[in-house]
Amino acid sequence: MKILLLWNDYSANRIVKFSVEYSIEGNTLSVFDVVPIEVKLLDLQWHTVVTRMAVRSSKTYELLRSRFLASNGLNKLVDEIAERHHLSVVTR
């Protein structure tokens, strides 16, 4: 299954859209991939999007993905998917 996820990276004034691929077999949730696909840079003074760009380079891909993982974003994502499918998370 695939879903789109919006992650607010407040420390860098951006919103990142990720494509998330996962599966559920029985009571087991497996997240296979979390791929950044778009970045929106924000103007905090006016609360508006200044620019929007696709993620194209491997360097940008790795930077956004590592920041997401370091922010505990994956754990929150797993919790949200599990809640949506009425699963309980036992291990990560």
C-alpha atoms as a PDB file:
ATOM      1  CA  MET A   1       0.000   0.000   0.000  1.00  0.00           C
ATOM      2  CA  LYS A   2       1.094   3.579  -0.523  1.00  0.00           C
ATOM      3  CA  ILE A   3       0.148   6.794   1.224  1.00  0.00           C
ATOM      4  CA  LEU A   4       1.320  10.382   1.083  1.00  0.00           C
ATOM      5  CA  LEU A   5       2.602  12.003   4.251  1.00  0.00           C
ATOM      6  CA  LEU A   6       3.155  15.692   4.974  1.00  0.00           C
ATOM      7  CA  TRP A   7       5.880  16.379   7.536  1.00  0.00           C
ATOM      8  CA  ASN A   8       6.369  19.828   9.037  1.00  0.00           C
ATOM      9  CA  ASP A   9      10.074  20.469   9.546  1.00  0.00           C
ATOM     10  CA  TYR A  10       9.609  23.543  11.711  1.00  0.00           C
ATOM     11  CA  SER A  11      13.307  24.000  12.417  1.00  0.00           C
ATOM     12  CA  ALA A  12      13.961  24.538   8.701  1.00  0.00           C
ATOM     13  CA  ASN A  13      10.689  26.325   7.797  1.00  0.00           C
ATOM     14  CA  ARG A  14       9.558  23.683   5.329  1.00  0.00           C
ATOM     15  CA  ILE A  15       6.904  21.079   4.694  1.00  0.00           C
ATOM     16  CA  VAL A  16       8.038  17.866   3.048  1.00  0.00           C
ATOM     17  CA  LYS A  17       5.742  15.495   1.169  1.00  0.00           C
ATOM     18  CA  PHE A  18       6.760  11.843   1.404  1.00  0.00           C
ATOM     19  CA  SER A  19       5.545   8.772  -0.423  1.00  0.00           C
ATOM     20  CA  VAL A  20       5.324   5.903   2.065  1.00  0.00           C
ATOM     21  CA  GLU A  21       5.149   2.271   0.993  1.00  0.00           C
ATOM     22  CA  TYR A  22       3.985  -0.256   3.566  1.00  0.00           C
ATOM     23  CA  SER A  23       2.174  -3.561   3.937  1.00  0.00           C
ATOM     24  CA  ILE A  24       0.047  -5.273   6.541  1.00  0.00           C
ATOM     25  CA  GLU A  25       0.062  -9.052   6.774  1.00  0.00           C
ATOM     26  CA  GLY A  26      -2.022 -10.411   9.610  1.00  0.00           C
ATOM     27  CA  ASN A  27      -1.087  -8.212  12.564  1.00  0.00           C
ATOM     28  CA  THR A  28       2.311  -7.225  11.153  1.00  0.00           C
ATOM     29  CA  LEU A  29       2.899  -3.731   9.780  1.00  0.00           C
ATOM     30  CA  SER A  30       6.000  -3.319   7.610  1.00  0.00           C
ATOM     31  CA  VAL A  31       7.190   0.050   6.308  1.00  0.00           C
ATOM     32  CA  PHE A  32       9.338  -0.551   3.224  1.00  0.00           C
ATOM     33  CA  ASP A  33      10.232   2.921   2.033  1.00  0.00           C
ATOM     34  CA  VAL A  34       9.816   6.579   2.908  1.00  0.00           C
ATOM     35  CA  VAL A  35      10.665   8.751  -0.112  1.00  0.00           C
ATOM     36  CA  PRO A  36      10.669  12.571  -0.067  1.00  0.00           C
ATOM     37  CA  ILE A  37       9.043  13.827  -3.260  1.00  0.00           C
ATOM     38  CA  GLU A  38       8.324  17.543  -2.710  1.00  0.00           C
ATOM     39  CA  VAL A  39       9.451  20.414  -0.472  1.00  0.00           C
ATOM     40  CA  LYS A  40       7.551  23.600   0.306  1.00  0.00           C
ATOM     41  CA  LEU A  41       9.546  26.446   1.843  1.00  0.00           C
ATOM     42  CA  LEU A  42       7.565  28.684   4.193  1.00  0.00           C
ATOM     43  CA  ASP A  43       7.547  32.367   5.058  1.00  0.00           C
ATOM     44  CA  LEU A  44       6.799  32.276   8.766  1.00  0.00           C
ATOM     45  CA  GLN A  45       5.981  35.969   8.997  1.00  0.00           C
ATOM     46  CA  TRP A  46       3.125  35.701   6.491  1.00  0.00           C
ATOM     47  CA  HIS A  47       2.333  31.984   6.958  1.00  0.00           C
ATOM     48  CA  THR A  48       2.574  31.321   3.245  1.00  0.00           C
ATOM     49  CA  VAL A  49       4.435  28.985   0.916  1.00  0.00           C
ATOM     50  CA  VAL A  50       7.307  30.862  -0.727  1.00  0.00           C
ATOM     51  CA  THR A  51       8.321  28.161  -3.169  1.00  0.00           C
ATOM     52  CA  ARG A  52       7.607  24.549  -3.983  1.00  0.00           C
ATOM     53  CA  MET A  53      10.092  22.161  -5.565  1.00  0.00           C
ATOM     54  CA  ALA A  54      10.385  18.501  -6.438  1.00  0.00           C
ATOM     55  CA  VAL A  55      13.105  16.417  -4.796  1.00  0.00           C
ATOM     56  CA  ARG A  56      15.427  15.436  -7.632  1.00  0.00           C
ATOM     57  CA  SER A  57      18.966  15.049  -6.347  1.00  0.00           C
ATOM     58  CA  SER A  58      20.201  12.185  -4.227  1.00  0.00           C
ATOM     59  CA  LYS A  59      21.821  14.663  -1.829  1.00  0.00           C
ATOM     60  CA  THR A  60      18.488  16.396  -1.143  1.00  0.00           C
ATOM     61  CA  TYR A  61      16.771  13.014  -0.886  1.00  0.00           C
ATOM     62  CA  GLU A  62      19.255  11.796   1.744  1.00  0.00           C
ATOM     63  CA  LEU A  63      19.164  15.081   3.700  1.00  0.00           C
ATOM     64  CA  LEU A  64      15.363  15.141   3.972  1.00  0.00           C
ATOM     65  CA  ARG A  65      15.068  11.438   4.699  1.00  0.00           C
ATOM     66  CA  SER A  66      17.733  11.534   7.434  1.00  0.00           C
ATOM     67  CA  ARG A  67      16.170  14.609   9.068  1.00  0.00           C
ATOM     68  CA  PHE A  68      12.776  12.902   9.041  1.00  0.00           C
ATOM     69  CA  LEU A  69      14.175   9.763  10.648  1.00  0.00           C
ATOM     70  CA  ALA A  70      16.175  11.765  13.218  1.00  0.00           C
ATOM     71  CA  SER A  71      13.043  13.696  14.209  1.00  0.00           C
ATOM     72  CA  ASN A  72      11.254  10.532  15.373  1.00  0.00           C
ATOM     73  CA  GLY A  73       9.029  10.883  12.310  1.00  0.00           C
ATOM     74  CA  LEU A  74       9.109   7.184  11.471  1.00  0.00           C
ATOM     75  CA  ASN A  75       7.825   6.186  14.907  1.00  0.00           C
ATOM     76  CA  LYS A  76       4.967   8.669  14.622  1.00  0.00           C
ATOM     77  CA  LEU A  77       4.201   7.401  11.117  1.00  0.00           C
ATOM     78  CA  VAL A  78       4.084   3.776  12.294  1.00  0.00           C
ATOM     79  CA  ASP A  79       1.759   4.769  15.148  1.00  0.00           C
ATOM     80  CA  GLU A  80      -0.586   6.609  12.755  1.00  0.00           C
ATOM     81  CA  ILE A  81      -0.736   3.741  10.262  1.00  0.00           C
ATOM     82  CA  ALA A  82      -1.270   1.204  13.057  1.00  0.00           C
ATOM     83  CA  GLU A  83      -4.064   3.312  14.531  1.00  0.00           C
ATOM     84  CA  ARG A  84      -5.722   3.688  11.124  1.00  0.00           C
ATOM     85  CA  HIS A  85      -5.736  -0.101  10.669  1.00  0.00           C
ATOM     86  CA  HIS A  86      -6.573  -0.897  14.316  1.00  0.00           C
ATOM     87  CA  LEU A  87      -3.237  -2.586  15.032  1.00  0.00           C
ATOM     88  CA  SER A  88      -1.150  -2.392  18.162  1.00  0.00           C
ATOM     89  CA  VAL A  89       2.586  -1.727  17.867  1.00  0.00           C
ATOM     90  CA  VAL A  90       4.647  -4.239  19.830  1.00  0.00           C
ATOM     91  CA  THR A  91       8.163  -3.796  18.368  1.00  0.00           C
ATOM     92  CA  ARG A  92       9.830  -1.397  15.977  1.00  0.00           C
END
